[in-house]
Each structure stands twice: as C-alpha cells, then as structure tokens.
Amino acid sequence: MMSPEYDAFGDTNSEFETAWTELALNRVSENPEERISKVDTFKDQLQVASKGQDFDNMDETQMIRFLRAGNWDIKHSMAIFLRHMEHTRKFLPFMGGSGFPSEIEFVYREKLVWVSPYRDQHGRRVLLLRLGKWNPDTITSKQLYTATSHLFQIISFEPKTQVSGIVIMCDLVGFGMKQLGSLGLEEMKCCGDFLSGGFPLWVRRLLFINNPKVFDILFSVLNPFLGEKDKEPCKSFVEMILIKLLTELPKRGFVRRSSRHKF
C-alpha cells in the first residue's frame, strides 16, 4: 500500500524510486537486469512483424509501453501490440476523428472527463467520466470518445501508470435515455474492444456510481464486447454503499469533484 500521492499529469520521468521499482517487479514482472535484452528482443520481433510497415520505427519509450502492458513477456507484449494496431485501424474515427485536443477544448471545459492529480493508495491513476453531465445536443459521442482517448494516450506514456494501471470511475448522476440513445453500437464495440486489450494500459478497476436503472440497458449492450477478464474488475456502487469508494480512491483533490456527495 502507498499513501495517495500528488503526481503531475503527463509526468514521463522514467527514474523510479525504490518503492516504484519494487512495485514494477510485483505488478508487471519488471526486472531492471533484463530490461535491455528484452527491449532488443521486442525490437527484433517488431521488425519481423512489420512486413514493410513502419512498426520497426518505434523508439524505446514506445516499446516499453507495450512490454509493461504485457508483463515483460515478449510473446504477450507482441500480441498486445498487434491487437492495438487492429483496434486503431478499426476505430480510428472514434479515437482521433474529432481532432487534436486543442480542437475539442470545449469538451474538456465541460469537465466530462478528468484525470485526478492524485494517485490512489495502490499508485493507480484515476480517471473520472461524468456521463450524466454529457449533453449529446452539443457534444457528439465521437467527440466525447476522442477527448477521452487523448487522455488515455497521455497517461499511457507515464511510466508509473504503465506499472500501476488506472481506475476508471463513471459517475452516472443524470444519465438517462437521452445519453443512452446517443451511444451507438459502434461506440459500444469500440469501448468493449478498448477495455478487452485494444489499448496498452492496465485497467485495474472499472467503477460505476449513482447508476440509474436505465444504465442496466447500457451495460447489457456493452457486456458481450468485454472479455471475461475485463468483467471481474467492474464494480457497481449504489448510493447506500458509496462510502466504500473511500477505500478505492484518493479522497484529496478528487471526491468532491466526482458527484453531489461529500465525504
């Protein structure tokens, strides 16, 4: 266990303190003595898999992102890389089709998706998604997904987050048929594929709070697109047991923004 710590968003410092070196060993099987040889082996595998494409132009930082996602197992890391390439090919319109972050700044101003500057007691990043505040009349589902995707891209290059993973918290206050009707089947497929290995980042927890009955419909649509391993981390918190969030999330700098509740 760690104390919740402040960590600047987008921090790419690759030098780990002792506690993080130990966490990297325990969580993603990272052995500093094997690092160089495994990066070289992964690079060789990329050259074989490239088949005339530009996969072999990846730098060490990009390769380590996939190696940590695959617990430094070369075969598994390559499978994640190829899965991510396929995910990007299939769902690029949702991942970046609405433009660069500067072009969808209005989405971030609505605070629909937000990353806490405080890591939780396990060192995990916490991302808040406020689907109930989303107005589909002014922000399309594609714009919302693109904005979220850009944040995932940034935090996936944080070395600490590559090790500890993330917690996704969905606050559903206000979520109704309007939002549900604006989420199409392709969006659900994209989300399910993302959570099932389409992105090189450990999703340690997927939390839902304040979920209305209509959300059961949404989850029943999403469920078939999730792999079995991705269903286990999903937890649904009703208001009467919302206090359990205190054991999962950093209270400081986060909970007051998450919903109408105060702790």
Protein backbone atom coordinates (compact mmCIF):
# COMPACT_ATOMS: atom_id res chain seq x y z
CA MET A 1 0.00 0.00 0.00
CA MET A 2 1.09 3.57 -0.71
CA SER A 3 -0.13 6.89 0.57
CA PRO A 4 -2.13 8.78 -2.08
CA GLU A 5 0.42 10.99 -3.80
CA TYR A 6 0.26 14.08 -5.99
CA ASP A 7 1.69 13.36 -9.42
CA ALA A 8 1.65 15.90 -12.24
CA PHE A 9 -0.48 14.83 -15.20
CA GLY A 10 1.65 13.63 -18.10
CA ASP A 11 4.78 13.02 -15.98
CA THR A 12 7.16 10.93 -18.12
CA ASN A 13 10.03 10.70 -15.64
CA SER A 14 11.35 7.16 -16.10
CA GLU A 15 13.56 7.10 -12.99
CA PHE A 16 11.84 5.06 -10.29
CA GLU A 17 12.38 5.36 -6.56
CA THR A 18 12.82 2.12 -4.60
CA ALA A 19 9.12 1.73 -3.83
CA TRP A 20 8.19 2.04 -7.50
CA THR A 21 10.98 -0.32 -8.60
CA GLU A 22 9.54 -2.93 -6.23
CA LEU A 23 6.01 -2.24 -7.46
CA ALA A 24 7.16 -2.66 -11.06
CA LEU A 25 8.62 -6.05 -10.17
CA ASN A 26 5.49 -7.17 -8.35
CA ARG A 27 2.86 -5.79 -10.72
CA VAL A 28 4.38 -6.17 -14.21
CA SER A 29 7.36 -8.52 -13.60
CA GLU A 30 9.88 -5.82 -14.48
CA ASN A 31 13.50 -6.85 -13.84
CA PRO A 32 15.97 -3.99 -14.46
CA GLU A 33 18.72 -6.51 -15.27
CA GLU A 34 16.68 -7.95 -18.15
CA ARG A 35 15.37 -4.66 -19.47
CA ILE A 36 17.91 -4.01 -22.26
CA SER A 37 17.83 -7.58 -23.60
CA LYS A 38 14.02 -7.70 -23.63
CA VAL A 39 13.76 -4.34 -25.40
CA ASP A 40 16.20 -5.59 -28.04
CA THR A 41 14.26 -8.85 -28.47
CA PHE A 42 10.98 -6.96 -28.76
CA LYS A 43 12.53 -4.70 -31.40
CA ASP A 44 13.61 -7.77 -33.39
CA GLN A 45 10.07 -9.13 -33.17
CA LEU A 46 8.69 -5.82 -34.41
CA GLN A 47 10.95 -5.97 -37.45
CA VAL A 48 9.66 -9.45 -38.24
CA ALA A 49 6.04 -8.39 -37.76
CA SER A 50 6.35 -5.13 -39.70
CA LYS A 51 6.27 -6.74 -43.17
CA GLY A 52 7.05 -3.49 -44.89
CA GLN A 53 5.13 -1.34 -42.43
CA ASP A 54 6.78 1.18 -40.10
CA PHE A 55 6.36 -0.74 -36.82
CA ASP A 56 10.14 -1.07 -36.52
CA ASN A 57 10.50 2.73 -36.20
CA MET A 58 9.21 2.71 -32.63
CA ASP A 59 11.59 4.14 -30.06
CA GLU A 60 12.42 2.53 -26.70
CA THR A 61 9.81 4.56 -24.82
CA GLN A 62 7.04 3.24 -27.07
CA MET A 63 8.31 -0.34 -26.86
CA ILE A 64 8.44 -0.26 -23.05
CA ARG A 65 4.80 0.85 -23.00
CA PHE A 66 3.82 -2.44 -24.66
CA LEU A 67 6.29 -4.54 -22.66
CA ARG A 68 4.83 -3.31 -19.37
CA ALA A 69 1.31 -3.92 -20.67
CA GLY A 70 2.39 -7.49 -21.40
CA ASN A 71 4.21 -8.06 -18.08
CA TRP A 72 7.53 -8.05 -19.96
CA ASP A 73 6.59 -11.28 -21.68
CA ILE A 74 7.72 -10.88 -25.31
CA LYS A 75 5.01 -13.05 -26.86
CA HIS A 76 2.21 -11.47 -24.84
CA SER A 77 3.53 -7.93 -25.44
CA MET A 78 3.64 -8.55 -29.20
CA ALA A 79 0.06 -9.83 -29.09
CA ILE A 80 -1.00 -6.62 -27.30
CA PHE A 81 0.86 -4.51 -29.85
CA LEU A 82 -0.81 -6.25 -32.80
CA ARG A 83 -4.20 -6.05 -31.07
CA HIS A 84 -3.70 -2.32 -30.53
CA MET A 85 -2.82 -1.83 -34.20
CA GLU A 86 -6.01 -3.65 -35.17
CA HIS A 87 -8.06 -1.62 -32.66
CA THR A 88 -6.64 1.61 -34.07
CA ARG A 89 -7.36 0.54 -37.64
CA LYS A 90 -10.97 -0.37 -36.86
CA PHE A 91 -11.87 2.50 -34.57
CA LEU A 92 -9.65 5.42 -35.61
CA PRO A 93 -12.68 7.70 -36.26
CA PHE A 94 -13.56 7.42 -32.56
CA MET A 95 -10.00 7.62 -31.23
CA GLY A 96 -8.91 10.75 -33.08
CA GLY A 97 -11.54 11.54 -35.65
CA SER A 98 -12.75 14.68 -33.89
CA GLY A 99 -9.38 16.40 -33.98
CA PHE A 100 -6.47 17.24 -31.73
CA PRO A 101 -7.02 18.15 -28.06
CA SER A 102 -6.83 21.86 -28.90
CA GLU A 103 -9.67 21.41 -31.39
CA ILE A 104 -12.01 19.83 -28.82
CA GLU A 105 -11.09 22.02 -25.86
CA PHE A 106 -14.79 22.76 -25.36
CA VAL A 107 -15.31 19.11 -24.34
CA TYR A 108 -12.70 19.38 -21.57
CA ARG A 109 -14.21 22.66 -20.36
CA GLU A 110 -17.43 20.78 -19.59
CA LYS A 111 -15.41 18.53 -17.21
CA LEU A 112 -17.00 15.42 -18.66
CA VAL A 113 -13.71 13.54 -18.44
CA TRP A 114 -10.99 14.36 -15.96
CA VAL A 115 -7.81 12.81 -14.54
CA SER A 116 -7.12 13.21 -10.83
CA PRO A 117 -3.69 14.67 -9.99
CA TYR A 118 -3.60 12.29 -7.00
CA ARG A 119 -2.79 8.61 -7.36
CA ASP A 120 -4.66 6.18 -5.13
CA GLN A 121 -3.17 4.02 -2.38
CA HIS A 122 -2.05 1.46 -4.96
CA GLY A 123 -0.31 4.09 -7.10
CA ARG A 124 -3.00 3.94 -9.77
CA ARG A 125 -4.15 6.86 -11.89
CA VAL A 126 -7.84 7.71 -11.50
CA LEU A 127 -9.92 8.87 -14.46
CA LEU A 128 -13.42 10.26 -13.90
CA LEU A 129 -16.05 10.04 -16.63
CA ARG A 130 -19.24 12.00 -15.96
CA LEU A 131 -21.68 10.56 -18.50
CA GLY A 132 -24.69 12.07 -16.75
CA LYS A 133 -23.43 15.61 -17.43
CA TRP A 134 -22.98 14.88 -21.12
CA ASN A 135 -25.38 16.72 -23.44
CA PRO A 136 -25.43 14.92 -26.81
CA ASP A 137 -27.05 18.00 -28.42
CA THR A 138 -23.82 20.00 -28.02
CA ILE A 139 -21.13 17.28 -27.86
CA THR A 140 -21.32 14.19 -30.07
CA SER A 141 -20.45 10.73 -28.80
CA LYS A 142 -17.48 10.72 -31.18
CA GLN A 143 -16.16 13.99 -29.70
CA LEU A 144 -16.53 12.62 -26.17
CA TYR A 145 -14.74 9.40 -27.08
CA THR A 146 -11.95 11.30 -28.85
CA ALA A 147 -11.44 13.55 -25.81
CA THR A 148 -11.24 10.51 -23.54
CA SER A 149 -8.92 8.70 -25.93
CA HIS A 150 -6.48 11.63 -25.96
CA LEU A 151 -6.26 11.49 -22.15
CA PHE A 152 -5.61 7.75 -22.24
CA GLN A 153 -2.84 8.29 -24.77
CA ILE A 154 -1.13 10.81 -22.49
CA ILE A 155 -1.32 8.75 -19.30
CA SER A 156 -0.27 5.58 -21.12
CA PHE A 157 3.15 7.17 -21.58
CA GLU A 158 3.52 7.83 -17.84
CA PRO A 159 5.98 5.16 -16.59
CA LYS A 160 4.28 4.95 -13.19
CA THR A 161 0.88 4.46 -14.79
CA GLN A 162 2.27 1.75 -17.07
CA VAL A 163 3.18 -0.13 -13.89
CA SER A 164 0.28 0.64 -11.56
CA GLY A 165 -2.53 0.89 -14.11
CA ILE A 166 -5.64 3.01 -13.85
CA VAL A 167 -9.04 3.14 -12.17
CA ILE A 168 -11.91 4.34 -14.36
CA MET A 169 -14.77 5.83 -12.36
CA CYS A 170 -18.07 6.51 -14.13
CA ASP A 171 -20.35 8.94 -12.28
CA LEU A 172 -23.86 8.44 -13.69
CA VAL A 173 -25.81 11.18 -11.91
CA GLY A 174 -28.28 12.45 -14.53
CA PHE A 175 -27.71 9.61 -17.02
CA GLY A 176 -30.92 8.88 -18.91
CA MET A 177 -32.46 7.85 -22.20
CA LYS A 178 -31.07 10.90 -23.98
CA GLN A 179 -27.49 9.80 -23.33
CA LEU A 180 -28.30 6.14 -23.84
CA GLY A 181 -29.93 6.80 -27.20
CA SER A 182 -26.87 8.73 -28.38
CA LEU A 183 -24.48 5.81 -27.82
CA GLY A 184 -24.50 3.67 -30.94
CA LEU A 185 -23.46 0.05 -31.40
CA GLU A 186 -20.11 1.00 -32.93
CA GLU A 187 -19.29 3.15 -29.89
CA MET A 188 -20.07 0.16 -27.65
CA LYS A 189 -17.90 -2.13 -29.76
CA CYS A 190 -15.08 0.39 -29.60
CA CYS A 191 -15.35 0.74 -25.82
CA GLY A 192 -15.53 -3.02 -25.29
CA ASP A 193 -12.54 -3.66 -27.54
CA PHE A 194 -10.59 -0.93 -25.77
CA LEU A 195 -11.20 -2.48 -22.35
CA SER A 196 -10.52 -6.01 -23.61
CA GLY A 197 -6.93 -5.48 -24.67
CA GLY A 198 -7.17 -2.99 -27.52
CA PHE A 199 -5.10 -0.43 -25.62
CA PRO A 200 -1.72 -1.00 -23.88
CA LEU A 201 -2.72 0.06 -20.38
CA TRP A 202 -3.77 -1.89 -17.29
CA VAL A 203 -7.36 -1.10 -16.28
CA ARG A 204 -7.33 -2.28 -12.65
CA ARG A 205 -10.84 -1.15 -11.73
CA LEU A 206 -13.96 0.00 -13.55
CA LEU A 207 -16.30 1.64 -11.03
CA PHE A 208 -19.87 2.82 -11.52
CA ILE A 209 -21.62 5.08 -9.03
CA ASN A 210 -25.08 6.63 -8.90
CA ASN A 211 -26.18 4.29 -11.66
CA PRO A 212 -29.87 4.56 -12.63
CA LYS A 213 -31.95 1.64 -13.89
CA VAL A 214 -31.50 2.75 -17.48
CA PHE A 215 -27.78 2.11 -17.14
CA ASP A 216 -28.51 -1.62 -16.88
CA ILE A 217 -29.55 -1.45 -20.53
CA LEU A 218 -26.26 0.17 -21.50
CA PHE A 219 -24.19 -2.38 -19.60
CA SER A 220 -26.14 -5.27 -21.12
CA VAL A 221 -25.17 -3.92 -24.57
CA LEU A 222 -21.52 -3.43 -23.58
CA ASN A 223 -21.20 -6.77 -21.77
CA PRO A 224 -20.90 -9.02 -24.88
CA PHE A 225 -17.94 -6.95 -26.12
CA LEU A 226 -15.97 -7.44 -22.91
CA GLY A 227 -13.65 -10.39 -22.37
CA GLU A 228 -14.17 -12.43 -19.20
CA LYS A 229 -11.05 -10.97 -17.57
CA ASP A 230 -12.47 -7.48 -18.03
CA LYS A 231 -15.79 -8.21 -16.32
CA GLU A 232 -14.22 -9.09 -12.97
CA PRO A 233 -12.82 -5.58 -12.20
CA CYS A 234 -16.23 -3.98 -12.86
CA LYS A 235 -17.97 -2.89 -9.67
CA SER A 236 -21.30 -1.16 -9.31
CA PHE A 237 -21.79 1.04 -6.24
CA VAL A 238 -25.25 2.13 -5.20
CA GLU A 239 -25.67 5.18 -3.00
CA MET A 240 -26.12 3.26 0.25
CA ILE A 241 -22.64 1.71 -0.05
CA LEU A 242 -20.91 4.66 -1.74
CA ILE A 243 -18.69 5.04 1.33
CA LYS A 244 -16.68 2.07 0.03
CA LEU A 245 -15.18 4.42 -2.54
CA LEU A 246 -13.01 5.79 0.24
CA THR A 247 -11.06 2.54 0.21
CA GLU A 248 -10.58 2.66 -3.56
CA LEU A 249 -9.90 6.30 -4.38
CA PRO A 250 -7.79 9.19 -3.13
CA LYS A 251 -10.12 11.47 -1.16
CA ARG A 252 -7.95 14.56 -1.53
CA GLY A 253 -8.45 16.55 -4.70
CA PHE A 254 -10.86 14.07 -6.24
CA VAL A 255 -14.02 13.01 -4.43
CA ARG A 256 -15.52 16.48 -4.12
CA ARG A 257 -15.48 16.75 -7.90
CA SER A 258 -16.84 13.27 -8.52
CA SER A 259 -20.50 13.78 -7.66
CA ARG A 260 -23.00 15.55 -5.46
CA HIS A 261 -21.76 13.54 -2.47
CA LYS A 262 -19.28 14.89 0.07
CA PHE A 263 -17.10 12.79 2.32
